C-alpha atoms as a PDB file:
ATOM      1  CA  UNK A   1      96.842  31.571  90.863  1.00  0.00           C
ATOM      2  CA  UNK A   2      93.365  31.349  89.325  1.00  0.00           C
ATOM      3  CA  UNK A   3      92.618  34.848  87.623  1.00  0.00           C
ATOM      4  CA  UNK A   4      88.991  34.578  89.198  1.00  0.00           C
ATOM      5  CA  UNK A   5      90.102  33.753  92.833  1.00  0.00           C
ATOM      6  CA  UNK A   6      91.744  35.791  95.510  1.00  0.00           C
ATOM      7  CA  UNK A   7      95.344  36.821  95.560  1.00  0.00           C
ATOM      8  CA  UNK A   8      97.879  33.985  96.241  1.00  0.00           C
ATOM      9  CA  UNK A   9      94.956  31.361  96.127  1.00  0.00           C
ATOM     10  CA  UNK A  10      93.892  28.858  93.561  1.00  0.00           C
ATOM     11  CA  UNK A  11      90.120  29.266  94.153  1.00  0.00           C
ATOM     12  CA  UNK A  12      86.948  30.181  92.058  1.00  0.00           C
ATOM     13  CA  UNK A  13      85.058  33.221  92.869  1.00  0.00           C
ATOM     14  CA  UNK A  14      82.434  31.138  94.557  1.00  0.00           C
ATOM     15  CA  UNK A  15      85.130  29.447  96.705  1.00  0.00           C
ATOM     16  CA  UNK A  16      86.525  32.876  97.546  1.00  0.00           C
ATOM     17  CA  UNK A  17      83.207  34.172  98.508  1.00  0.00           C
ATOM     18  CA  UNK A  18      82.463  31.061 100.773  1.00  0.00           C
ATOM     19  CA  UNK A  19      85.832  31.489 102.419  1.00  0.00           C
ATOM     20  CA  UNK A  20      85.360  35.177 103.108  1.00  0.00           C
ATOM     21  CA  UNK A  21      81.935  34.371 104.533  1.00  0.00           C
ATOM     22  CA  UNK A  22      83.213  31.775 107.003  1.00  0.00           C
ATOM     23  CA  UNK A  23      86.064  34.208 107.976  1.00  0.00           C
ATOM     24  CA  UNK A  24      83.421  36.980 108.541  1.00  0.00           C
ATOM     25  CA  UNK A  25      81.214  34.694 110.580  1.00  0.00           C
ATOM     26  CA  UNK A  26      84.169  33.754 112.792  1.00  0.00           C
ATOM     27  CA  UNK A  27      85.134  37.469 113.379  1.00  0.00           C
ATOM     28  CA  UNK A  28      81.630  38.696 114.071  1.00  0.00           C
ATOM     29  CA  UNK A  29      80.886  35.795 116.536  1.00  0.00           C
ATOM     30  CA  UNK A  30      83.325  37.498 118.696  1.00  0.00           C
ATOM     31  CA  UNK A  31      81.873  40.986 118.587  1.00  0.00           C
ATOM     32  CA  UNK A  32      78.326  39.774 118.714  1.00  0.00           C
ATOM     33  CA  UNK A  33      78.828  38.041 122.066  1.00  0.00           C
ATOM     34  CA  UNK A  34      80.572  40.984 123.518  1.00  0.00           C
ATOM     35  CA  UNK A  35      77.968  43.416 122.283  1.00  0.00           C
ATOM     36  CA  UNK A  36      75.119  41.197 123.507  1.00  0.00           C
ATOM     37  CA  UNK A  37      76.413  40.747 126.872  1.00  0.00           C
ATOM     38  CA  UNK A  38      77.306  44.348 127.281  1.00  0.00           C
ATOM     39  CA  UNK A  39      73.916  45.335 126.008  1.00  0.00           C
ATOM     40  CA  UNK A  40      72.284  42.836 128.502  1.00  0.00           C
ATOM     41  CA  UNK A  41      74.044  44.471 131.409  1.00  0.00           C
ATOM     42  CA  UNK A  42      73.298  47.923 130.426  1.00  0.00           C
ATOM     43  CA  UNK A  43      69.555  47.017 130.153  1.00  0.00           C
ATOM     44  CA  UNK A  44      69.687  45.689 133.799  1.00  0.00           C
ATOM     45  CA  UNK A  45      71.191  49.047 135.034  1.00  0.00           C
ATOM     46  CA  UNK A  46      67.921  50.770 134.798  1.00  0.00           C
ATOM     47  CA  UNK A  47      66.281  48.505 137.267  1.00  0.00           C
ATOM     48  CA  UNK A  48      68.775  49.078 140.143  1.00  0.00           C
ATOM     49  CA  UNK A  49      67.914  51.294 143.007  1.00  0.00           C
ATOM     50  CA  UNK A  50      70.845  53.657 142.502  1.00  0.00           C
ATOM     51  CA  UNK A  51      69.759  54.429 138.920  1.00  0.00           C
ATOM     52  CA  UNK A  52      66.995  56.800 140.173  1.00  0.00           C
ATOM     53  CA  UNK A  53      69.434  58.809 141.920  1.00  0.00           C
ATOM     54  CA  UNK A  54      71.556  59.482 138.742  1.00  0.00           C
ATOM     55  CA  UNK A  55      71.864  63.198 137.813  1.00  0.00           C
ATOM     56  CA  UNK A  56      70.276  64.158 134.551  1.00  0.00           C
ATOM     57  CA  UNK A  57      73.566  64.076 132.589  1.00  0.00           C
ATOM     58  CA  UNK A  58      74.234  60.520 133.620  1.00  0.00           C
ATOM     59  CA  UNK A  59      70.673  59.455 132.809  1.00  0.00           C
ATOM     60  CA  UNK A  60      71.063  60.768 129.368  1.00  0.00           C
ATOM     61  CA  UNK A  61      74.542  59.330 128.913  1.00  0.00           C
ATOM     62  CA  UNK A  62      72.978  56.035 130.031  1.00  0.00           C
ATOM     63  CA  UNK A  63      70.198  56.361 127.430  1.00  0.00           C
ATOM     64  CA  UNK A  64      72.703  57.173 124.726  1.00  0.00           C
ATOM     65  CA  UNK A  65      74.801  54.214 125.680  1.00  0.00           C
ATOM     66  CA  UNK A  66      71.881  51.721 125.543  1.00  0.00           C
ATOM     67  CA  UNK A  67      70.959  53.146 122.163  1.00  0.00           C
ATOM     68  CA  UNK A  68      74.497  52.763 121.032  1.00  0.00           C
ATOM     69  CA  UNK A  69      74.572  49.057 122.240  1.00  0.00           C
ATOM     70  CA  UNK A  70      71.316  48.296 120.542  1.00  0.00           C
ATOM     71  CA  UNK A  71      72.591  49.708 117.334  1.00  0.00           C
ATOM     72  CA  UNK A  72      75.911  47.690 117.751  1.00  0.00           C
ATOM     73  CA  UNK A  73      74.161  44.465 118.497  1.00  0.00           C
ATOM     74  CA  UNK A  74      71.736  45.029 115.567  1.00  0.00           C
ATOM     75  CA  UNK A  75      74.603  45.793 113.197  1.00  0.00           C
ATOM     76  CA  UNK A  76      76.570  42.812 114.254  1.00  0.00           C
ATOM     77  CA  UNK A  77      73.572  40.465 114.076  1.00  0.00           C
ATOM     78  CA  UNK A  78      72.247  41.903 110.649  1.00  0.00           C
ATOM     79  CA  UNK A  79      74.744  39.741 108.462  1.00  0.00           C
ATOM     80  CA  UNK A  80      73.080  36.567 109.716  1.00  0.00           C
ATOM     81  CA  UNK A  81      69.737  38.001 108.558  1.00  0.00           C
ATOM     82  CA  UNK A  82      71.069  38.815 105.245  1.00  0.00           C
ATOM     83  CA  UNK A  83      72.443  35.467 104.862  1.00  0.00           C
ATOM     84  CA  UNK A  84      69.062  33.855 105.477  1.00  0.00           C
ATOM     85  CA  UNK A  85      67.229  36.108 103.109  1.00  0.00           C
ATOM     86  CA  UNK A  86      69.979  35.814 100.439  1.00  0.00           C
ATOM     87  CA  UNK A  87      70.225  31.954 100.940  1.00  0.00           C
ATOM     88  CA  UNK A  88      69.669  30.155  97.558  1.00  0.00           C
ATOM     89  CA  UNK A  89      69.818  33.436  95.459  1.00  0.00           C
ATOM     90  CA  UNK A  90      73.449  33.202  94.296  1.00  0.00           C
ATOM     91  CA  UNK A  91      74.262  36.429  96.012  1.00  0.00           C
ATOM     92  CA  UNK A  92      77.308  35.536  98.279  1.00  0.00           C
ATOM     93  CA  UNK A  93      79.478  38.416  96.879  1.00  0.00           C
ATOM     94  CA  UNK A  94      76.659  40.792  97.661  1.00  0.00           C
ATOM     95  CA  UNK A  95      76.254  39.418 100.996  1.00  0.00           C
ATOM     96  CA  UNK A  96      80.166  39.836 101.673  1.00  0.00           C
ATOM     97  CA  UNK A  97      79.942  43.541 100.677  1.00  0.00           C
ATOM     98  CA  UNK A  98      76.932  44.321 102.889  1.00  0.00           C
ATOM     99  CA  UNK A  99      77.962  42.340 105.773  1.00  0.00           C
ATOM    100  CA  UNK A 100      81.453  44.014 105.743  1.00  0.00           C
ATOM    101  CA  UNK A 101      79.767  47.505 106.035  1.00  0.00           C
ATOM    102  CA  UNK A 102      77.625  46.136 108.700  1.00  0.00           C
ATOM    103  CA  UNK A 103      80.342  44.754 110.735  1.00  0.00           C
ATOM    104  CA  UNK A 104      82.247  47.861 110.376  1.00  0.00           C
ATOM    105  CA  UNK A 105      79.256  49.815 111.678  1.00  0.00           C
ATOM    106  CA  UNK A 106      78.921  47.388 114.494  1.00  0.00           C
ATOM    107  CA  UNK A 107      82.580  47.744 115.383  1.00  0.00           C
ATOM    108  CA  UNK A 108      82.400  51.411 115.513  1.00  0.00           C
ATOM    109  CA  UNK A 109      79.192  51.510 117.587  1.00  0.00           C
ATOM    110  CA  UNK A 110      80.522  48.760 119.945  1.00  0.00           C
ATOM    111  CA  UNK A 111      83.615  51.010 120.661  1.00  0.00           C
ATOM    112  CA  UNK A 112      81.404  53.970 121.219  1.00  0.00           C
ATOM    113  CA  UNK A 113      79.181  51.880 123.535  1.00  0.00           C
ATOM    114  CA  UNK A 114      82.087  50.675 125.608  1.00  0.00           C
ATOM    115  CA  UNK A 115      83.579  54.133 125.811  1.00  0.00           C
ATOM    116  CA  UNK A 116      80.285  55.571 126.860  1.00  0.00           C
ATOM    117  CA  UNK A 117      79.468  52.757 129.339  1.00  0.00           C
ATOM    118  CA  UNK A 118      82.958  53.290 130.965  1.00  0.00           C
ATOM    119  CA  UNK A 119      82.380  57.080 131.085  1.00  0.00           C
ATOM    120  CA  UNK A 120      79.190  56.359 132.920  1.00  0.00           C
ATOM    121  CA  UNK A 121      80.676  53.865 135.259  1.00  0.00           C
ATOM    122  CA  UNK A 122      83.693  55.984 136.067  1.00  0.00           C
ATOM    123  CA  UNK A 123      81.660  59.008 136.716  1.00  0.00           C
ATOM    124  CA  UNK A 124      79.453  57.104 139.083  1.00  0.00           C
ATOM    125  CA  UNK A 125      82.362  55.158 140.751  1.00  0.00           C
ATOM    126  CA  UNK A 126      84.839  57.897 141.139  1.00  0.00           C
ATOM    127  CA  UNK A 127      82.847  61.105 141.257  1.00  0.00           C
ATOM    128  CA  UNK A 128      85.475  62.680 139.110  1.00  0.00           C
ATOM    129  CA  UNK A 129      84.063  63.840 135.908  1.00  0.00           C
ATOM    130  CA  UNK A 130      87.384  65.087 134.531  1.00  0.00           C
ATOM    131  CA  UNK A 131      89.223  61.935 135.105  1.00  0.00           C
ATOM    132  CA  UNK A 132      86.305  59.941 133.751  1.00  0.00           C
ATOM    133  CA  UNK A 133      86.373  61.761 130.429  1.00  0.00           C
ATOM    134  CA  UNK A 134      90.169  61.537 130.148  1.00  0.00           C
ATOM    135  CA  UNK A 135      90.186  57.737 130.844  1.00  0.00           C
ATOM    136  CA  UNK A 136      87.213  57.019 128.572  1.00  0.00           C
ATOM    137  CA  UNK A 137      88.813  59.138 125.730  1.00  0.00           C
ATOM    138  CA  UNK A 138      91.991  57.332 126.004  1.00  0.00           C
ATOM    139  CA  UNK A 139      90.252  53.969 125.815  1.00  0.00           C
ATOM    140  CA  UNK A 140      88.410  55.154 122.686  1.00  0.00           C
ATOM    141  CA  UNK A 141      91.762  56.342 121.322  1.00  0.00           C
ATOM    142  CA  UNK A 142      93.153  52.826 122.035  1.00  0.00           C
ATOM    143  CA  UNK A 143      90.284  51.414 120.194  1.00  0.00           C
ATOM    144  CA  UNK A 144      90.961  53.663 117.086  1.00  0.00           C
ATOM    145  CA  UNK A 145      94.519  52.982 117.238  1.00  0.00           C
ATOM    146  CA  UNK A 146      94.422  49.207 117.557  1.00  0.00           C
ATOM    147  CA  UNK A 147      91.278  48.603 115.374  1.00  0.00           C
ATOM    148  CA  UNK A 148      92.033  51.189 112.656  1.00  0.00           C
ATOM    149  CA  UNK A 149      95.286  52.894 112.564  1.00  0.00           C
ATOM    150  CA  UNK A 150      97.479  50.050 113.236  1.00  0.00           C
ATOM    151  CA  UNK A 151      95.782  47.783 110.686  1.00  0.00           C
ATOM    152  CA  UNK A 152      96.169  50.420 108.070  1.00  0.00           C
ATOM    153  CA  UNK A 153      99.742  51.006 108.717  1.00  0.00           C
ATOM    154  CA  UNK A 154     100.437  47.355 108.331  1.00  0.00           C
ATOM    155  CA  UNK A 155      98.376  47.349 105.037  1.00  0.00           C
ATOM    156  CA  UNK A 156     100.493  50.294 103.678  1.00  0.00           C
ATOM    157  CA  UNK A 157     103.855  48.804 104.831  1.00  0.00           C
ATOM    158  CA  UNK A 158     102.945  45.457 103.314  1.00  0.00           C
ATOM    159  CA  UNK A 159     101.751  47.092 100.059  1.00  0.00           C
ATOM    160  CA  UNK A 160     104.996  48.993  99.834  1.00  0.00           C
ATOM    161  CA  UNK A 161     107.103  45.879 100.496  1.00  0.00           C
ATOM    162  CA  UNK A 162     105.193  43.941  97.804  1.00  0.00           C
ATOM    163  CA  UNK A 163     105.547  46.764  95.330  1.00  0.00           C
ATOM    164  CA  UNK A 164     109.311  46.972  95.935  1.00  0.00           C
ATOM    165  CA  UNK A 165     109.517  43.244  95.563  1.00  0.00           C
ATOM    166  CA  UNK A 166     107.656  43.424  92.205  1.00  0.00           C
ATOM    167  CA  UNK A 167     109.883  46.354  91.020  1.00  0.00           C
ATOM    168  CA  UNK A 168     112.802  44.153  91.856  1.00  0.00           C
ATOM    169  CA  UNK A 169     111.220  41.101  90.265  1.00  0.00           C
ATOM    170  CA  UNK A 170     111.270  39.133  93.306  1.00  0.00           C
ATOM    171  CA  UNK A 171     108.678  37.324  95.352  1.00  0.00           C
ATOM    172  CA  UNK A 172     105.916  38.954  97.104  1.00  0.00           C
ATOM    173  CA  UNK A 173     103.703  39.940  94.193  1.00  0.00           C
ATOM    174  CA  UNK A 174     102.219  38.882  90.894  1.00  0.00           C
ATOM    175  CA  UNK A 175     104.919  39.738  88.339  1.00  0.00           C
ATOM    176  CA  UNK A 176     102.359  40.480  85.614  1.00  0.00           C
END
């Protein structure tokens, strides 16, 4: 392995930054599209005849949901703006760092947007506020589990396995 590149790869820091940026773009494209479509649908809700009949709580929930959707969309599009501004300034590592935080912010606000939109939809469709809250909370818990808890558990398990392999002098880590 090149001492300057990523673990397990023979790459320069610039090659690593280019690879990470390409990976990030692929990841964010999926989230961006979903956030933009959801945001577009949310905007349209205010122009439906039934919107005027919503109770104050649901109108406020809708407003919060639209704002969350705007923040999610903005955070997920922001790395592209950074890339345009940083282009030609040899700042790819900084771009990777900032984009990672923006994407994380976008994912959190996207999860909150989806949960809030689901809550609004279920309150309106079922007329059962308690069930709506429970289902929306369960979906948010599912996002938290699959987007945060599970990846962290896999990282910890992999790190422990690699450390054990290094301690035994086997494969799975850099023996230095």
